[in-house]
Amino acid sequence: HGGGVLDFSKANMAVPWVGCGPPHASGPHRYIFLIHPQTGADPAASLVEALGERGGKKAAVAAKAAGLGEAVGVGVFEAEWDESVDALHKGIGFLPPPQYRSPKQVEEARL
């Protein structure tokens, strides 16, 4: 920070990346990455506690509570379901609610 280059080799992720996994027929999902400077002790444990497992959390509120400054970088993109998402769901042990299951997930749930 300050020099225009962010050194991610010394960074900690509060929630590890597993990939995009929007369920079937659920429309586009937004994914947001916030990058905050870290000037003191490693805040990863308090961020993990505040953020829990996955999405739907107020990351900026958690970052402020952990003593991090304003975000210095952000990345945003949208993704929608495609057939590759089924393998990701299976890999993390996630089965969407019935109305958001893909045809393959519906078939596998019957077996």
N, C-alpha and C. Protein backbone atom coordinates (compact mmCIF):
# COMPACT_ATOMS: atom_id res chain seq x y z
N HIS A 1 0.85 -1.18 0.00
CA HIS A 1 0.00 0.00 0.00
C HIS A 1 0.89 1.23 0.00
N GLY A 2 0.50 2.27 -0.64
CA GLY A 2 1.27 3.49 -0.69
C GLY A 2 2.14 3.56 -1.94
N GLY A 3 2.78 2.42 -2.29
CA GLY A 3 3.62 2.40 -3.47
C GLY A 3 2.89 1.97 -4.72
N GLY A 4 1.63 1.68 -4.60
CA GLY A 4 0.86 1.28 -5.76
C GLY A 4 0.89 -0.21 -6.06
N VAL A 5 1.67 -0.98 -5.28
CA VAL A 5 1.76 -2.42 -5.50
C VAL A 5 1.32 -3.14 -4.22
N LEU A 6 0.42 -4.09 -4.36
CA LEU A 6 -0.03 -4.88 -3.21
C LEU A 6 0.72 -6.20 -3.19
N ASP A 7 1.30 -6.55 -2.04
CA ASP A 7 2.07 -7.79 -1.90
C ASP A 7 1.19 -8.86 -1.27
N PHE A 8 0.59 -9.71 -2.12
CA PHE A 8 -0.31 -10.74 -1.62
C PHE A 8 0.42 -11.95 -1.05
N SER A 9 1.73 -12.03 -1.25
CA SER A 9 2.47 -13.18 -0.73
C SER A 9 2.49 -13.20 0.80
N LYS A 10 2.22 -12.06 1.42
CA LYS A 10 2.21 -11.97 2.89
C LYS A 10 0.79 -11.82 3.43
N ALA A 11 -0.19 -12.03 2.59
CA ALA A 11 -1.59 -11.80 2.98
C ALA A 11 -2.23 -13.06 3.57
N ASN A 12 -3.26 -12.85 4.37
CA ASN A 12 -4.10 -13.93 4.87
C ASN A 12 -5.49 -13.74 4.31
N MET A 13 -6.12 -14.84 3.93
CA MET A 13 -7.50 -14.78 3.49
C MET A 13 -8.38 -15.17 4.67
N ALA A 14 -9.40 -14.39 4.93
CA ALA A 14 -10.32 -14.71 6.01
C ALA A 14 -11.23 -15.87 5.63
N VAL A 15 -11.65 -15.92 4.38
CA VAL A 15 -12.50 -17.00 3.88
C VAL A 15 -11.85 -17.52 2.60
N PRO A 16 -11.32 -18.76 2.61
CA PRO A 16 -10.63 -19.28 1.43
C PRO A 16 -11.55 -19.36 0.21
N TRP A 17 -10.98 -19.16 -0.95
CA TRP A 17 -11.70 -19.18 -2.21
C TRP A 17 -11.97 -20.62 -2.62
N VAL A 18 -13.21 -20.93 -2.96
CA VAL A 18 -13.55 -22.27 -3.47
C VAL A 18 -14.11 -22.21 -4.88
N GLY A 19 -14.33 -21.04 -5.40
CA GLY A 19 -14.87 -20.89 -6.74
C GLY A 19 -16.30 -20.39 -6.70
N CYS A 20 -16.81 -20.08 -7.87
CA CYS A 20 -18.19 -19.59 -7.99
C CYS A 20 -19.14 -20.77 -8.03
N GLY A 21 -20.21 -20.70 -7.27
CA GLY A 21 -21.15 -21.80 -7.26
C GLY A 21 -22.60 -21.39 -7.21
N PRO A 22 -23.02 -20.45 -8.07
CA PRO A 22 -24.43 -20.06 -8.03
C PRO A 22 -25.32 -21.24 -8.44
N PRO A 23 -26.33 -21.54 -7.65
CA PRO A 23 -27.22 -22.65 -7.98
C PRO A 23 -27.99 -22.44 -9.29
N HIS A 24 -28.44 -23.55 -9.85
CA HIS A 24 -29.22 -23.58 -11.08
C HIS A 24 -30.47 -22.71 -10.93
N ALA A 25 -30.81 -21.98 -11.96
CA ALA A 25 -32.04 -21.17 -12.02
C ALA A 25 -32.13 -20.12 -10.91
N SER A 26 -30.98 -19.67 -10.40
CA SER A 26 -31.00 -18.65 -9.34
C SER A 26 -30.56 -17.28 -9.83
N GLY A 27 -30.32 -17.16 -11.16
CA GLY A 27 -29.95 -15.87 -11.72
C GLY A 27 -28.50 -15.52 -11.45
N PRO A 28 -28.09 -14.31 -11.83
CA PRO A 28 -26.71 -13.91 -11.62
C PRO A 28 -26.41 -13.66 -10.14
N HIS A 29 -25.20 -14.02 -9.74
CA HIS A 29 -24.72 -13.77 -8.38
C HIS A 29 -23.52 -12.83 -8.46
N ARG A 30 -23.44 -11.90 -7.51
CA ARG A 30 -22.32 -10.97 -7.46
C ARG A 30 -21.24 -11.50 -6.51
N TYR A 31 -20.00 -11.37 -6.92
CA TYR A 31 -18.86 -11.75 -6.10
C TYR A 31 -17.99 -10.51 -5.92
N ILE A 32 -17.64 -10.23 -4.67
CA ILE A 32 -16.90 -9.01 -4.35
C ILE A 32 -15.69 -9.37 -3.50
N PHE A 33 -14.54 -8.86 -3.89
CA PHE A 33 -13.31 -9.01 -3.12
C PHE A 33 -12.92 -7.64 -2.59
N LEU A 34 -12.70 -7.54 -1.28
CA LEU A 34 -12.23 -6.30 -0.68
C LEU A 34 -10.80 -6.49 -0.20
N ILE A 35 -9.95 -5.53 -0.48
CA ILE A 35 -8.56 -5.59 -0.06
C ILE A 35 -8.32 -4.45 0.92
N HIS A 36 -7.90 -4.83 2.13
CA HIS A 36 -7.66 -3.85 3.19
C HIS A 36 -6.19 -3.88 3.61
N PRO A 37 -5.63 -2.73 3.94
CA PRO A 37 -4.27 -2.73 4.47
C PRO A 37 -4.27 -3.33 5.87
N GLN A 38 -3.20 -4.00 6.21
CA GLN A 38 -3.06 -4.58 7.55
C GLN A 38 -1.83 -3.94 8.18
N THR A 39 -2.05 -3.19 9.23
CA THR A 39 -0.93 -2.48 9.86
C THR A 39 -0.56 -3.06 11.21
N GLY A 40 -1.45 -3.86 11.81
CA GLY A 40 -1.18 -4.40 13.14
C GLY A 40 -1.20 -5.91 13.15
N ALA A 41 -1.70 -6.46 14.23
CA ALA A 41 -1.78 -7.92 14.39
C ALA A 41 -2.68 -8.53 13.32
N ASP A 42 -2.45 -9.79 13.05
CA ASP A 42 -3.22 -10.51 12.04
C ASP A 42 -4.69 -10.61 12.47
N PRO A 43 -5.61 -10.02 11.71
CA PRO A 43 -7.02 -10.02 12.08
C PRO A 43 -7.80 -11.22 11.54
N ALA A 44 -7.12 -12.20 10.92
CA ALA A 44 -7.83 -13.28 10.24
C ALA A 44 -8.80 -14.01 11.15
N ALA A 45 -8.41 -14.34 12.38
CA ALA A 45 -9.29 -15.10 13.28
C ALA A 45 -10.58 -14.35 13.56
N SER A 46 -10.49 -13.04 13.84
CA SER A 46 -11.72 -12.28 14.13
C SER A 46 -12.57 -12.12 12.88
N LEU A 47 -11.94 -12.04 11.71
CA LEU A 47 -12.71 -11.94 10.47
C LEU A 47 -13.43 -13.25 10.17
N VAL A 48 -12.76 -14.37 10.38
CA VAL A 48 -13.39 -15.67 10.15
C VAL A 48 -14.61 -15.80 11.06
N GLU A 49 -14.46 -15.40 12.31
CA GLU A 49 -15.59 -15.47 13.26
C GLU A 49 -16.75 -14.58 12.79
N ALA A 50 -16.44 -13.39 12.33
CA ALA A 50 -17.48 -12.45 11.91
C ALA A 50 -18.13 -12.86 10.59
N LEU A 51 -17.34 -13.42 9.68
CA LEU A 51 -17.86 -13.75 8.35
C LEU A 51 -18.50 -15.13 8.28
N GLY A 52 -18.12 -16.04 9.16
CA GLY A 52 -18.69 -17.38 9.13
C GLY A 52 -18.24 -18.13 7.90
N GLU A 53 -19.08 -19.03 7.43
CA GLU A 53 -18.71 -19.91 6.33
C GLU A 53 -18.63 -19.21 4.98
N ARG A 54 -19.71 -18.65 4.52
CA ARG A 54 -19.76 -18.08 3.18
C ARG A 54 -20.73 -16.92 3.11
N GLY A 55 -20.74 -16.25 1.99
CA GLY A 55 -21.54 -15.11 1.57
C GLY A 55 -22.66 -14.58 2.44
N GLY A 56 -23.18 -13.49 1.98
CA GLY A 56 -24.32 -12.86 2.62
C GLY A 56 -23.95 -12.08 3.88
N LYS A 57 -22.67 -11.89 4.12
CA LYS A 57 -22.23 -11.19 5.31
C LYS A 57 -21.82 -9.76 4.98
N LYS A 58 -21.72 -8.93 5.98
CA LYS A 58 -21.31 -7.54 5.81
C LYS A 58 -19.79 -7.46 6.02
N ALA A 59 -19.04 -7.74 4.96
CA ALA A 59 -17.58 -7.81 5.05
C ALA A 59 -16.97 -6.49 5.48
N ALA A 60 -17.49 -5.37 5.00
CA ALA A 60 -16.92 -4.07 5.36
C ALA A 60 -17.11 -3.79 6.85
N VAL A 61 -18.24 -4.19 7.42
CA VAL A 61 -18.49 -4.01 8.85
C VAL A 61 -17.53 -4.87 9.66
N ALA A 62 -17.34 -6.12 9.23
CA ALA A 62 -16.42 -7.02 9.92
C ALA A 62 -14.98 -6.50 9.85
N ALA A 63 -14.58 -5.98 8.69
CA ALA A 63 -13.23 -5.44 8.54
C ALA A 63 -13.01 -4.25 9.47
N LYS A 64 -13.99 -3.39 9.58
CA LYS A 64 -13.88 -2.22 10.47
C LYS A 64 -13.77 -2.68 11.92
N ALA A 65 -14.59 -3.65 12.32
CA ALA A 65 -14.55 -4.17 13.69
C ALA A 65 -13.20 -4.83 14.00
N ALA A 66 -12.53 -5.37 12.98
CA ALA A 66 -11.23 -6.02 13.16
C ALA A 66 -10.08 -5.00 13.14
N GLY A 67 -10.40 -3.72 12.99
CA GLY A 67 -9.39 -2.68 13.02
C GLY A 67 -8.70 -2.42 11.70
N LEU A 68 -9.25 -2.93 10.62
CA LEU A 68 -8.66 -2.67 9.31
C LEU A 68 -9.11 -1.30 8.81
N GLY A 69 -8.29 -0.68 8.00
CA GLY A 69 -8.63 0.62 7.44
C GLY A 69 -9.60 0.48 6.28
N GLU A 70 -9.79 1.58 5.59
CA GLU A 70 -10.65 1.57 4.41
C GLU A 70 -10.07 0.65 3.35
N ALA A 71 -10.92 0.04 2.56
CA ALA A 71 -10.47 -0.83 1.48
C ALA A 71 -9.59 -0.04 0.51
N VAL A 72 -8.49 -0.68 0.07
CA VAL A 72 -7.60 -0.04 -0.89
C VAL A 72 -7.75 -0.65 -2.28
N GLY A 73 -8.55 -1.71 -2.35
CA GLY A 73 -8.79 -2.34 -3.63
C GLY A 73 -10.07 -3.14 -3.59
N VAL A 74 -10.67 -3.30 -4.75
CA VAL A 74 -11.92 -4.06 -4.83
C VAL A 74 -11.97 -4.74 -6.20
N GLY A 75 -12.54 -5.93 -6.20
CA GLY A 75 -12.81 -6.64 -7.45
C GLY A 75 -14.25 -7.13 -7.42
N VAL A 76 -14.94 -6.99 -8.52
CA VAL A 76 -16.35 -7.35 -8.59
C VAL A 76 -16.61 -8.08 -9.90
N PHE A 77 -17.38 -9.16 -9.83
CA PHE A 77 -17.85 -9.81 -11.05
C PHE A 77 -19.13 -10.55 -10.78
N GLU A 78 -19.83 -10.91 -11.84
CA GLU A 78 -21.06 -11.70 -11.76
C GLU A 78 -20.83 -13.05 -12.39
N ALA A 79 -21.56 -14.04 -11.88
CA ALA A 79 -21.50 -15.38 -12.46
C ALA A 79 -22.88 -16.01 -12.36
N GLU A 80 -23.16 -16.92 -13.30
CA GLU A 80 -24.39 -17.69 -13.28
C GLU A 80 -24.05 -19.17 -13.36
N TRP A 81 -25.01 -20.00 -12.99
CA TRP A 81 -24.83 -21.44 -13.02
C TRP A 81 -24.48 -21.92 -14.42
N ASP A 82 -23.57 -22.89 -14.48
CA ASP A 82 -23.37 -23.71 -15.67
C ASP A 82 -23.08 -25.12 -15.17
N GLU A 83 -22.93 -26.07 -16.08
CA GLU A 83 -22.81 -27.48 -15.68
C GLU A 83 -21.60 -27.74 -14.78
N SER A 84 -20.56 -26.92 -14.86
CA SER A 84 -19.37 -27.13 -14.02
C SER A 84 -19.65 -26.88 -12.54
N VAL A 85 -20.69 -26.13 -12.24
CA VAL A 85 -21.01 -25.81 -10.84
C VAL A 85 -21.43 -27.06 -10.07
N ASP A 86 -22.05 -28.02 -10.73
CA ASP A 86 -22.47 -29.24 -10.04
C ASP A 86 -21.28 -29.94 -9.37
N ALA A 87 -20.14 -30.00 -10.05
CA ALA A 87 -18.94 -30.63 -9.48
C ALA A 87 -18.43 -29.84 -8.28
N LEU A 88 -18.47 -28.52 -8.37
CA LEU A 88 -18.05 -27.70 -7.24
C LEU A 88 -18.96 -27.95 -6.04
N HIS A 89 -20.27 -27.96 -6.26
CA HIS A 89 -21.21 -28.23 -5.16
C HIS A 89 -20.92 -29.58 -4.52
N LYS A 90 -20.70 -30.58 -5.35
CA LYS A 90 -20.41 -31.92 -4.83
C LYS A 90 -19.12 -31.91 -4.00
N GLY A 91 -18.11 -31.21 -4.49
CA GLY A 91 -16.82 -31.13 -3.82
C GLY A 91 -16.87 -30.48 -2.46
N ILE A 92 -17.78 -29.54 -2.26
CA ILE A 92 -17.88 -28.88 -0.95
C ILE A 92 -19.05 -29.42 -0.13
N GLY A 93 -19.69 -30.46 -0.63
CA GLY A 93 -20.79 -31.08 0.11
C GLY A 93 -22.04 -30.25 0.21
N PHE A 94 -22.34 -29.50 -0.84
CA PHE A 94 -23.51 -28.62 -0.85
C PHE A 94 -24.55 -29.13 -1.84
N LEU A 95 -25.77 -29.26 -1.38
CA LEU A 95 -26.90 -29.58 -2.25
C LEU A 95 -27.90 -28.44 -2.11
N PRO A 96 -28.14 -27.70 -3.19
CA PRO A 96 -29.06 -26.56 -3.11
C PRO A 96 -30.48 -26.99 -2.73
N PRO A 97 -31.28 -26.03 -2.27
CA PRO A 97 -32.70 -26.33 -2.03
C PRO A 97 -33.33 -26.86 -3.33
N PRO A 98 -34.39 -27.65 -3.21
CA PRO A 98 -34.98 -28.30 -4.40
C PRO A 98 -35.24 -27.38 -5.59
N GLN A 99 -35.71 -26.17 -5.38
CA GLN A 99 -36.05 -25.28 -6.49
C GLN A 99 -34.81 -24.77 -7.23
N TYR A 100 -33.62 -24.94 -6.67
CA TYR A 100 -32.39 -24.47 -7.30
C TYR A 100 -31.45 -25.61 -7.71
N ARG A 101 -31.94 -26.82 -7.74
CA ARG A 101 -31.11 -27.95 -8.15
C ARG A 101 -31.11 -28.07 -9.67
N SER A 102 -29.96 -28.41 -10.20
CA SER A 102 -29.85 -28.63 -11.64
C SER A 102 -30.52 -29.96 -11.98
N PRO A 103 -30.79 -30.20 -13.25
CA PRO A 103 -31.38 -31.49 -13.64
C PRO A 103 -30.51 -32.67 -13.14
N LYS A 104 -29.20 -32.54 -13.22
CA LYS A 104 -28.31 -33.61 -12.75
C LYS A 104 -28.43 -33.81 -11.24
N GLN A 105 -28.50 -32.71 -10.47
CA GLN A 105 -28.64 -32.81 -9.02
C GLN A 105 -29.99 -33.42 -8.63
N VAL A 106 -31.04 -33.09 -9.38
CA VAL A 106 -32.37 -33.68 -9.13
C VAL A 106 -32.29 -35.19 -9.34
N GLU A 107 -31.68 -35.60 -10.44
CA GLU A 107 -31.56 -37.02 -10.75
C GLU A 107 -30.73 -37.75 -9.69
N GLU A 108 -29.60 -37.18 -9.30
CA GLU A 108 -28.74 -37.81 -8.30
C GLU A 108 -29.42 -37.88 -6.94
N ALA A 109 -30.26 -36.91 -6.61
CA ALA A 109 -30.97 -36.93 -5.32
C ALA A 109 -32.01 -38.04 -5.27
N ARG A 110 -32.50 -38.45 -6.44
CA ARG A 110 -33.49 -39.54 -6.50
C ARG A 110 -32.84 -40.90 -6.24
N LEU A 111 -31.55 -41.03 -6.54
CA LEU A 111 -30.86 -42.32 -6.41
C LEU A 111 -30.57 -42.69 -4.98
